[in-house]
């Protein structure tokens, strides 16, 4: 899709359909392909920093789609909930 946002801010007329702007479409596909082939798609760290970090996460991170945390080992949610023995002592 390609729109002239200045003259068509609501994006009603897809200029890609008429073929008059094929040079712009080709240019954008080249840029998209270059972006998609990057080894790592982060902009705040260098490639070498990312390579150096691989395998060092120590199983930390976000666990999406959990209902109550019982779906995974306690070890994976302890960072967020604290150890069970600590919770019992606090109650």
PDB file of N, CA and C in Angstrom:
ATOM      1  N   UNK A   1       0.835  -1.173   0.000  1.00  0.00           N
ATOM      2  CA  UNK A   1       0.000   0.000   0.000  1.00  0.00           C
ATOM      3  C   UNK A   1       0.882   1.239   0.000  1.00  0.00           C
ATOM      4  N   UNK A   2       0.437   2.217  -0.728  1.00  0.00           N
ATOM      5  CA  UNK A   2       1.180   3.469  -0.824  1.00  0.00           C
ATOM      6  C   UNK A   2       0.167   4.602  -0.874  1.00  0.00           C
ATOM      7  N   UNK A   3       0.330   5.568   0.024  1.00  0.00           N
ATOM      8  CA  UNK A   3      -0.631   6.665   0.109  1.00  0.00           C
ATOM      9  C   UNK A   3       0.070   8.009   0.045  1.00  0.00           C
ATOM     10  N   UNK A   4      -0.616   8.988  -0.491  1.00  0.00           N
ATOM     11  CA  UNK A   4      -0.184  10.382  -0.481  1.00  0.00           C
ATOM     12  C   UNK A   4      -0.871  11.023   0.718  1.00  0.00           C
ATOM     13  N   UNK A   5      -0.182  11.043   1.851  1.00  0.00           N
ATOM     14  CA  UNK A   5      -0.796  11.516   3.092  1.00  0.00           C
ATOM     15  C   UNK A   5      -1.107  13.007   3.078  1.00  0.00           C
ATOM     16  N   UNK A   6      -0.418  13.739   2.230  1.00  0.00           N
ATOM     17  CA  UNK A   6      -0.687  15.173   2.149  1.00  0.00           C
ATOM     18  C   UNK A   6      -2.036  15.431   1.472  1.00  0.00           C
ATOM     19  N   UNK A   7      -2.311  14.735   0.377  1.00  0.00           N
ATOM     20  CA  UNK A   7      -3.552  14.944  -0.370  1.00  0.00           C
ATOM     21  C   UNK A   7      -4.642  13.931  -0.029  1.00  0.00           C
ATOM     22  N   UNK A   8      -4.288  12.858   0.648  1.00  0.00           N
ATOM     23  CA  UNK A   8      -5.241  11.807   1.003  1.00  0.00           C
ATOM     24  C   UNK A   8      -4.955  11.330   2.429  1.00  0.00           C
ATOM     25  N   UNK A   9      -5.147  12.205   3.440  1.00  0.00           N
ATOM     26  CA  UNK A   9      -4.776  11.858   4.813  1.00  0.00           C
ATOM     27  C   UNK A   9      -5.588  10.691   5.389  1.00  0.00           C
ATOM     28  N   UNK A  10      -6.771  10.422   4.843  1.00  0.00           N
ATOM     29  CA  UNK A  10      -7.582   9.302   5.338  1.00  0.00           C
ATOM     30  C   UNK A  10      -7.186   7.973   4.699  1.00  0.00           C
ATOM     31  N   UNK A  11      -6.243   8.021   3.763  1.00  0.00           N
ATOM     32  CA  UNK A  11      -5.721   6.826   3.091  1.00  0.00           C
ATOM     33  C   UNK A  11      -6.813   6.046   2.374  1.00  0.00           C
ATOM     34  N   UNK A  12      -7.588   6.757   1.559  1.00  0.00           N
ATOM     35  CA  UNK A  12      -8.649   6.125   0.784  1.00  0.00           C
ATOM     36  C   UNK A  12      -8.160   5.576  -0.550  1.00  0.00           C
ATOM     37  N   UNK A  13      -7.120   6.185  -1.122  1.00  0.00           N
ATOM     38  CA  UNK A  13      -6.684   5.844  -2.476  1.00  0.00           C
ATOM     39  C   UNK A  13      -5.284   5.224  -2.438  1.00  0.00           C
ATOM     40  N   UNK A  14      -5.237   3.916  -2.639  1.00  0.00           N
ATOM     41  CA  UNK A  14      -3.975   3.179  -2.635  1.00  0.00           C
ATOM     42  C   UNK A  14      -3.273   3.412  -3.969  1.00  0.00           C
ATOM     43  N   UNK A  15      -2.193   4.190  -3.939  1.00  0.00           N
ATOM     44  CA  UNK A  15      -1.456   4.509  -5.161  1.00  0.00           C
ATOM     45  C   UNK A  15      -0.694   3.303  -5.709  1.00  0.00           C
ATOM     46  N   UNK A  16      -0.492   2.287  -4.904  1.00  0.00           N
ATOM     47  CA  UNK A  16       0.215   1.097  -5.378  1.00  0.00           C
ATOM     48  C   UNK A  16      -0.606   0.337  -6.415  1.00  0.00           C
ATOM     49  N   UNK A  17      -1.901   0.512  -6.390  1.00  0.00           N
ATOM     50  CA  UNK A  17      -2.771  -0.210  -7.317  1.00  0.00           C
ATOM     51  C   UNK A  17      -2.723   0.328  -8.734  1.00  0.00           C
ATOM     52  N   UNK A  18      -2.313   1.582  -8.892  1.00  0.00           N
ATOM     53  CA  UNK A  18      -2.353   2.162 -10.240  1.00  0.00           C
ATOM     54  C   UNK A  18      -1.029   2.011 -10.981  1.00  0.00           C
ATOM     55  N   UNK A  19       0.029   1.613 -10.293  1.00  0.00           N
ATOM     56  CA  UNK A  19       1.297   1.326 -10.953  1.00  0.00           C
ATOM     57  C   UNK A  19       2.139   2.536 -11.325  1.00  0.00           C
ATOM     58  N   UNK A  20       1.664   3.722 -11.082  1.00  0.00           N
ATOM     59  CA  UNK A  20       2.412   4.923 -11.461  1.00  0.00           C
ATOM     60  C   UNK A  20       3.599   5.191 -10.538  1.00  0.00           C
ATOM     61  N   UNK A  21       3.650   4.527  -9.416  1.00  0.00           N
ATOM     62  CA  UNK A  21       4.692   4.786  -8.420  1.00  0.00           C
ATOM     63  C   UNK A  21       5.529   3.533  -8.157  1.00  0.00           C
ATOM     64  N   UNK A  22       5.710   2.727  -9.174  1.00  0.00           N
ATOM     65  CA  UNK A  22       6.434   1.464  -9.002  1.00  0.00           C
ATOM     66  C   UNK A  22       7.857   1.682  -8.521  1.00  0.00           C
ATOM     67  N   UNK A  23       8.483   2.786  -8.918  1.00  0.00           N
ATOM     68  CA  UNK A  23       9.850   3.056  -8.464  1.00  0.00           C
ATOM     69  C   UNK A  23       9.904   3.243  -6.946  1.00  0.00           C
ATOM     70  N   UNK A  24       8.898   3.922  -6.386  1.00  0.00           N
ATOM     71  CA  UNK A  24       8.848   4.113  -4.931  1.00  0.00           C
ATOM     72  C   UNK A  24       8.564   2.795  -4.221  1.00  0.00           C
ATOM     73  N   UNK A  25       7.674   2.004  -4.780  1.00  0.00           N
ATOM     74  CA  UNK A  25       7.342   0.713  -4.192  1.00  0.00           C
ATOM     75  C   UNK A  25       8.572  -0.189  -4.193  1.00  0.00           C
ATOM     76  N   UNK A  26       9.289  -0.228  -5.298  1.00  0.00           N
ATOM     77  CA  UNK A  26      10.514  -1.033  -5.384  1.00  0.00           C
ATOM     78  C   UNK A  26      11.542  -0.572  -4.352  1.00  0.00           C
ATOM     79  N   UNK A  27      11.701   0.741  -4.208  1.00  0.00           N
ATOM     80  CA  UNK A  27      12.647   1.295  -3.237  1.00  0.00           C
ATOM     81  C   UNK A  27      12.263   0.885  -1.820  1.00  0.00           C
ATOM     82  N   UNK A  28      10.983   0.937  -1.502  1.00  0.00           N
ATOM     83  CA  UNK A  28      10.532   0.567  -0.160  1.00  0.00           C
ATOM     84  C   UNK A  28      10.705  -0.924   0.104  1.00  0.00           C
ATOM     85  N   UNK A  29      10.487  -1.763  -0.919  1.00  0.00           N
ATOM     86  CA  UNK A  29      10.711  -3.200  -0.748  1.00  0.00           C
ATOM     87  C   UNK A  29      12.187  -3.506  -0.492  1.00  0.00           C
ATOM     88  N   UNK A  30      13.076  -2.787  -1.150  1.00  0.00           N
ATOM     89  CA  UNK A  30      14.509  -2.972  -0.911  1.00  0.00           C
ATOM     90  C   UNK A  30      14.843  -2.610   0.538  1.00  0.00           C
ATOM     91  N   UNK A  31      14.312  -1.490   1.017  1.00  0.00           N
ATOM     92  CA  UNK A  31      14.564  -1.083   2.404  1.00  0.00           C
ATOM     93  C   UNK A  31      13.985  -2.094   3.389  1.00  0.00           C
ATOM     94  N   UNK A  32      12.783  -2.594   3.110  1.00  0.00           N
ATOM     95  CA  UNK A  32      12.167  -3.585   3.986  1.00  0.00           C
ATOM     96  C   UNK A  32      12.976  -4.874   4.012  1.00  0.00           C
ATOM     97  N   UNK A  33      13.465  -5.296   2.865  1.00  0.00           N
ATOM     98  CA  UNK A  33      14.279  -6.513   2.802  1.00  0.00           C
ATOM     99  C   UNK A  33      15.582  -6.340   3.576  1.00  0.00           C
ATOM    100  N   UNK A  34      16.211  -5.178   3.461  1.00  0.00           N
ATOM    101  CA  UNK A  34      17.445  -4.925   4.211  1.00  0.00           C
ATOM    102  C   UNK A  34      17.170  -4.971   5.708  1.00  0.00           C
ATOM    103  N   UNK A  35      16.077  -4.362   6.127  1.00  0.00           N
ATOM    104  CA  UNK A  35      15.716  -4.345   7.538  1.00  0.00           C
ATOM    105  C   UNK A  35      15.440  -5.769   8.024  1.00  0.00           C
ATOM    106  N   UNK A  36      14.725  -6.555   7.233  1.00  0.00           N
ATOM    107  CA  UNK A  36      14.371  -7.903   7.627  1.00  0.00           C
ATOM    108  C   UNK A  36      15.551  -8.853   7.700  1.00  0.00           C
ATOM    109  N   UNK A  37      16.624  -8.573   6.989  1.00  0.00           N
ATOM    110  CA  UNK A  37      17.797  -9.447   6.985  1.00  0.00           C
ATOM    111  C   UNK A  37      18.821  -9.095   8.053  1.00  0.00           C
ATOM    112  N   UNK A  38      18.573  -8.065   8.829  1.00  0.00           N
ATOM    113  CA  UNK A  38      19.521  -7.734   9.888  1.00  0.00           C
ATOM    114  C   UNK A  38      19.619  -8.899  10.862  1.00  0.00           C
ATOM    115  N   UNK A  39      20.827  -9.238  11.321  1.00  0.00           N
ATOM    116  CA  UNK A  39      20.973 -10.366  12.253  1.00  0.00           C
ATOM    117  C   UNK A  39      20.194 -10.156  13.548  1.00  0.00           C
ATOM    118  N   UNK A  40      20.198  -8.975  14.065  1.00  0.00           N
ATOM    119  CA  UNK A  40      19.446  -8.669  15.276  1.00  0.00           C
ATOM    120  C   UNK A  40      18.747  -7.335  15.045  1.00  0.00           C
ATOM    121  N   UNK A  41      17.508  -7.269  15.423  1.00  0.00           N
ATOM    122  CA  UNK A  41      16.724  -6.082  15.101  1.00  0.00           C
ATOM    123  C   UNK A  41      16.575  -5.164  16.303  1.00  0.00           C
ATOM    124  N   UNK A  42      17.684  -4.907  16.961  1.00  0.00           N
ATOM    125  CA  UNK A  42      17.698  -3.968  18.082  1.00  0.00           C
ATOM    126  C   UNK A  42      18.527  -2.759  17.666  1.00  0.00           C
ATOM    127  N   UNK A  43      18.125  -1.590  18.124  1.00  0.00           N
ATOM    128  CA  UNK A  43      18.865  -0.396  17.738  1.00  0.00           C
ATOM    129  C   UNK A  43      19.684   0.179  18.885  1.00  0.00           C
ATOM    130  N   UNK A  44      19.528  -0.362  20.088  1.00  0.00           N
ATOM    131  CA  UNK A  44      20.222   0.219  21.228  1.00  0.00           C
ATOM    132  C   UNK A  44      21.499  -0.521  21.595  1.00  0.00           C
ATOM    133  N   UNK A  45      21.782  -1.648  20.952  1.00  0.00           N
ATOM    134  CA  UNK A  45      22.997  -2.415  21.226  1.00  0.00           C
ATOM    135  C   UNK A  45      23.684  -2.745  19.912  1.00  0.00           C
ATOM    136  N   UNK A  46      24.992  -2.849  19.970  1.00  0.00           N
ATOM    137  CA  UNK A  46      25.739  -3.218  18.767  1.00  0.00           C
ATOM    138  C   UNK A  46      25.573  -4.714  18.507  1.00  0.00           C
ATOM    139  N   UNK A  47      25.866  -5.142  17.302  1.00  0.00           N
ATOM    140  CA  UNK A  47      25.806  -6.565  16.966  1.00  0.00           C
ATOM    141  C   UNK A  47      26.720  -7.375  17.882  1.00  0.00           C
ATOM    142  N   UNK A  48      27.918  -6.847  18.163  1.00  0.00           N
ATOM    143  CA  UNK A  48      28.857  -7.574  19.022  1.00  0.00           C
ATOM    144  C   UNK A  48      28.315  -7.713  20.440  1.00  0.00           C
ATOM    145  N   UNK A  49      27.683  -6.658  20.959  1.00  0.00           N
ATOM    146  CA  UNK A  49      27.076  -6.741  22.292  1.00  0.00           C
ATOM    147  C   UNK A  49      26.014  -7.835  22.337  1.00  0.00           C
ATOM    148  N   UNK A  50      25.205  -7.915  21.297  1.00  0.00           N
ATOM    149  CA  UNK A  50      24.143  -8.921  21.249  1.00  0.00           C
ATOM    150  C   UNK A  50      24.740 -10.318  21.187  1.00  0.00           C
ATOM    151  N   UNK A  51      25.760 -10.509  20.367  1.00  0.00           N
ATOM    152  CA  UNK A  51      26.413 -11.821  20.276  1.00  0.00           C
ATOM    153  C   UNK A  51      27.024 -12.211  21.617  1.00  0.00           C
ATOM    154  N   UNK A  52      27.621 -11.253  22.317  1.00  0.00           N
ATOM    155  CA  UNK A  52      28.243 -11.529  23.613  1.00  0.00           C
ATOM    156  C   UNK A  52      27.208 -11.914  24.670  1.00  0.00           C
ATOM    157  N   UNK A  53      25.977 -11.443  24.523  1.00  0.00           N
ATOM    158  CA  UNK A  53      24.935 -11.710  25.505  1.00  0.00           C
ATOM    159  C   UNK A  53      24.224 -13.042  25.276  1.00  0.00           C
ATOM    160  N   UNK A  54      24.359 -13.638  24.121  1.00  0.00           N
ATOM    161  CA  UNK A  54      23.613 -14.863  23.803  1.00  0.00           C
ATOM    162  C   UNK A  54      23.933 -15.964  24.793  1.00  0.00           C
ATOM    163  N   UNK A  55      22.878 -16.590  25.285  1.00  0.00           N
ATOM    164  CA  UNK A  55      23.025 -17.692  26.225  1.00  0.00           C
ATOM    165  C   UNK A  55      23.241 -17.269  27.660  1.00  0.00           C
ATOM    166  N   UNK A  56      23.217 -15.980  27.959  1.00  0.00           N
ATOM    167  CA  UNK A  56      23.498 -15.513  29.316  1.00  0.00           C
ATOM    168  C   UNK A  56      22.261 -14.981  30.025  1.00  0.00           C
ATOM    169  N   UNK A  57      21.080 -15.276  29.515  1.00  0.00           N
ATOM    170  CA  UNK A  57      19.856 -14.728  30.105  1.00  0.00           C
ATOM    171  C   UNK A  57      19.516 -15.366  31.445  1.00  0.00           C
ATOM    172  N   UNK A  58      20.076 -16.542  31.714  1.00  0.00           N
ATOM    173  CA  UNK A  58      19.816 -17.267  32.966  1.00  0.00           C
ATOM    174  C   UNK A  58      18.322 -17.450  33.203  1.00  0.00           C
ATOM    175  N   UNK A  59      17.600 -17.717  32.107  1.00  0.00           N
ATOM    176  CA  UNK A  59      16.171 -17.999  32.143  1.00  0.00           C
ATOM    177  C   UNK A  59      15.371 -16.847  32.721  1.00  0.00           C
ATOM    178  N   UNK A  60      15.770 -15.627  32.480  1.00  0.00           N
ATOM    179  CA  UNK A  60      15.022 -14.456  32.918  1.00  0.00           C
ATOM    180  C   UNK A  60      14.261 -13.924  31.724  1.00  0.00           C
ATOM    181  N   UNK A  61      13.152 -13.309  31.972  1.00  0.00           N
ATOM    182  CA  UNK A  61      12.396 -12.702  30.889  1.00  0.00           C
ATOM    183  C   UNK A  61      10.913 -12.686  31.185  1.00  0.00           C
ATOM    184  N   UNK A  62      10.160 -12.412  30.179  1.00  0.00           N
ATOM    185  CA  UNK A  62       8.711 -12.300  30.309  1.00  0.00           C
ATOM    186  C   UNK A  62       8.081 -13.643  29.957  1.00  0.00           C
ATOM    187  N   UNK A  63       7.106 -14.049  30.732  1.00  0.00           N
ATOM    188  CA  UNK A  63       6.391 -15.291  30.489  1.00  0.00           C
ATOM    189  C   UNK A  63       4.946 -14.951  30.114  1.00  0.00           C
ATOM    190  N   UNK A  64       4.675 -14.725  28.834  1.00  0.00           N
ATOM    191  CA  UNK A  64       3.320 -14.341  28.442  1.00  0.00           C
ATOM    192  C   UNK A  64       2.348 -15.517  28.529  1.00  0.00           C
ATOM    193  N   UNK A  65       1.094 -15.216  28.601  1.00  0.00           N
ATOM    194  CA  UNK A  65       0.003 -16.185  28.527  1.00  0.00           C
ATOM    195  C   UNK A  65      -0.080 -17.114  29.736  1.00  0.00           C
ATOM    196  N   UNK A  66       0.401 -16.673  30.874  1.00  0.00           N
ATOM    197  CA  UNK A  66       0.225 -17.461  32.081  1.00  0.00           C
ATOM    198  C   UNK A  66      -1.062 -17.028  32.763  1.00  0.00           C
ATOM    199  N   UNK A  67      -1.802 -18.009  33.286  1.00  0.00           N
ATOM    200  CA  UNK A  67      -3.032 -17.690  34.003  1.00  0.00           C
ATOM    201  C   UNK A  67      -2.720 -17.319  35.445  1.00  0.00           C
ATOM    202  N   UNK A  68      -2.026 -18.216  36.137  1.00  0.00           N
ATOM    203  CA  UNK A  68      -1.675 -17.930  37.519  1.00  0.00           C
ATOM    204  C   UNK A  68      -0.244 -18.321  37.874  1.00  0.00           C
ATOM    205  N   UNK A  69       0.522 -18.770  36.899  1.00  0.00           N
ATOM    206  CA  UNK A  69       1.908 -19.138  37.135  1.00  0.00           C
ATOM    207  C   UNK A  69       2.101 -20.609  37.425  1.00  0.00           C
ATOM    208  N   UNK A  70       1.017 -21.336  37.694  1.00  0.00           N
ATOM    209  CA  UNK A  70       1.144 -22.764  37.998  1.00  0.00           C
ATOM    210  C   UNK A  70       1.469 -23.585  36.749  1.00  0.00           C
ATOM    211  N   UNK A  71       1.395 -22.986  35.585  1.00  0.00           N
ATOM    212  CA  UNK A  71       1.653 -23.701  34.336  1.00  0.00           C
ATOM    213  C   UNK A  71       3.134 -23.976  34.109  1.00  0.00           C
ATOM    214  N   UNK A  72       4.015 -23.302  34.835  1.00  0.00           N
ATOM    215  CA  UNK A  72       5.460 -23.452  34.651  1.00  0.00           C
ATOM    216  C   UNK A  72       6.119 -23.719  36.000  1.00  0.00           C
ATOM    217  N   UNK A  73       7.366 -24.130  35.958  1.00  0.00           N
ATOM    218  CA  UNK A  73       8.118 -24.368  37.195  1.00  0.00           C
ATOM    219  C   UNK A  73       8.159 -23.095  38.036  1.00  0.00           C
ATOM    220  N   UNK A  74       8.086 -23.258  39.340  1.00  0.00           N
ATOM    221  CA  UNK A  74       8.134 -22.116  40.261  1.00  0.00           C
ATOM    222  C   UNK A  74       9.389 -21.276  40.039  1.00  0.00           C
ATOM    223  N   UNK A  75      10.471 -21.948  39.672  1.00  0.00           N
ATOM    224  CA  UNK A  75      11.747 -21.262  39.427  1.00  0.00           C
ATOM    225  C   UNK A  75      11.591 -20.113  38.412  1.00  0.00           C
ATOM    226  N   UNK A  76      10.719 -20.294  37.444  1.00  0.00           N
ATOM    227  CA  UNK A  76      10.559 -19.285  36.396  1.00  0.00           C
ATOM    228  C   UNK A  76       9.735 -18.079  36.839  1.00  0.00           C
ATOM    229  N   UNK A  77       8.943 -18.229  37.888  1.00  0.00           N
ATOM    230  CA  UNK A  77       8.114 -17.100  38.337  1.00  0.00           C
ATOM    231  C   UNK A  77       8.577 -16.534  39.676  1.00  0.00           C
ATOM    232  N   UNK A  78       9.585 -17.151  40.293  1.00  0.00           N
ATOM    233  CA  UNK A  78      10.064 -16.707  41.595  1.00  0.00           C
ATOM    234  C   UNK A  78      10.515 -15.250  41.579  1.00  0.00           C
ATOM    235  N   UNK A  79      11.114 -14.830  40.471  1.00  0.00           N
ATOM    236  CA  UNK A  79      11.580 -13.441  40.354  1.00  0.00           C
ATOM    237  C   UNK A  79      10.424 -12.459  40.527  1.00  0.00           C
ATOM    238  N   UNK A  80       9.239 -12.855  40.089  1.00  0.00           N
ATOM    239  CA  UNK A  80       8.074 -11.971  40.135  1.00  0.00           C
ATOM    240  C   UNK A  80       7.284 -12.117  41.428  1.00  0.00           C
ATOM    241  N   UNK A  81       7.265 -13.345  42.013  1.00  0.00           N
ATOM    242  CA  UNK A  81       6.448 -13.609  43.196  1.00  0.00           C
ATOM    243  C   UNK A  81       7.264 -13.767  44.467  1.00  0.00           C
ATOM    244  N   UNK A  82       8.543 -14.038  44.342  1.00  0.00           N
ATOM    245  CA  UNK A  82       9.367 -14.367  45.501  1.00  0.00           C
ATOM    246  C   UNK A  82       9.171 -15.838  45.820  1.00  0.00           C
ATOM    247  N   UNK A  83      10.078 -16.436  46.586  1.00  0.00           N
ATOM    248  CA  UNK A  83       9.954 -17.861  46.918  1.00  0.00           C
ATOM    249  C   UNK A  83       8.693 -18.119  47.729  1.00  0.00           C
ATOM    250  N   UNK A  84       8.109 -19.307  47.570  1.00  0.00           N
ATOM    251  CA  UNK A  84       6.888 -19.670  48.268  1.00  0.00           C
ATOM    252  C   UNK A  84       7.085 -19.589  49.774  1.00  0.00           C
ATOM    253  N   UNK A  85       8.224 -20.057  50.276  1.00  0.00           N
ATOM    254  CA  UNK A  85       8.468 -20.028  51.726  1.00  0.00           C
ATOM    255  C   UNK A  85       8.443 -18.603  52.250  1.00  0.00           C
ATOM    256  N   UNK A  86       8.903 -17.650  51.463  1.00  0.00           N
ATOM    257  CA  UNK A  86       8.895 -16.244  51.861  1.00  0.00           C
ATOM    258  C   UNK A  86       7.450 -15.738  51.926  1.00  0.00           C
ATOM    259  N   UNK A  87       6.603 -16.125  50.973  1.00  0.00           N
ATOM    260  CA  UNK A  87       5.208 -15.693  50.964  1.00  0.00           C
ATOM    261  C   UNK A  87       4.462 -16.250  52.174  1.00  0.00           C
ATOM    262  N   UNK A  88       4.730 -17.523  52.523  1.00  0.00           N
ATOM    263  CA  UNK A  88       4.042 -18.123  53.670  1.00  0.00           C
ATOM    264  C   UNK A  88       4.456 -17.396  54.943  1.00  0.00           C
ATOM    265  N   UNK A  89       5.731 -17.060  55.077  1.00  0.00           N
ATOM    266  CA  UNK A  89       6.210 -16.353  56.259  1.00  0.00           C
ATOM    267  C   UNK A  89       5.582 -14.969  56.376  1.00  0.00           C
ATOM    268  N   UNK A  90       5.297 -14.327  55.239  1.00  0.00           N
ATOM    269  CA  UNK A  90       4.714 -12.988  55.255  1.00  0.00           C
ATOM    270  C   UNK A  90       3.236 -13.018  55.612  1.00  0.00           C
ATOM    271  N   UNK A  91       2.548 -14.131  55.311  1.00  0.00           N
ATOM    272  CA  UNK A  91       1.093 -14.233  55.566  1.00  0.00           C
ATOM    273  C   UNK A  91       0.799 -14.449  56.995  1.00  0.00           C
TER     274      UNK A  91
END
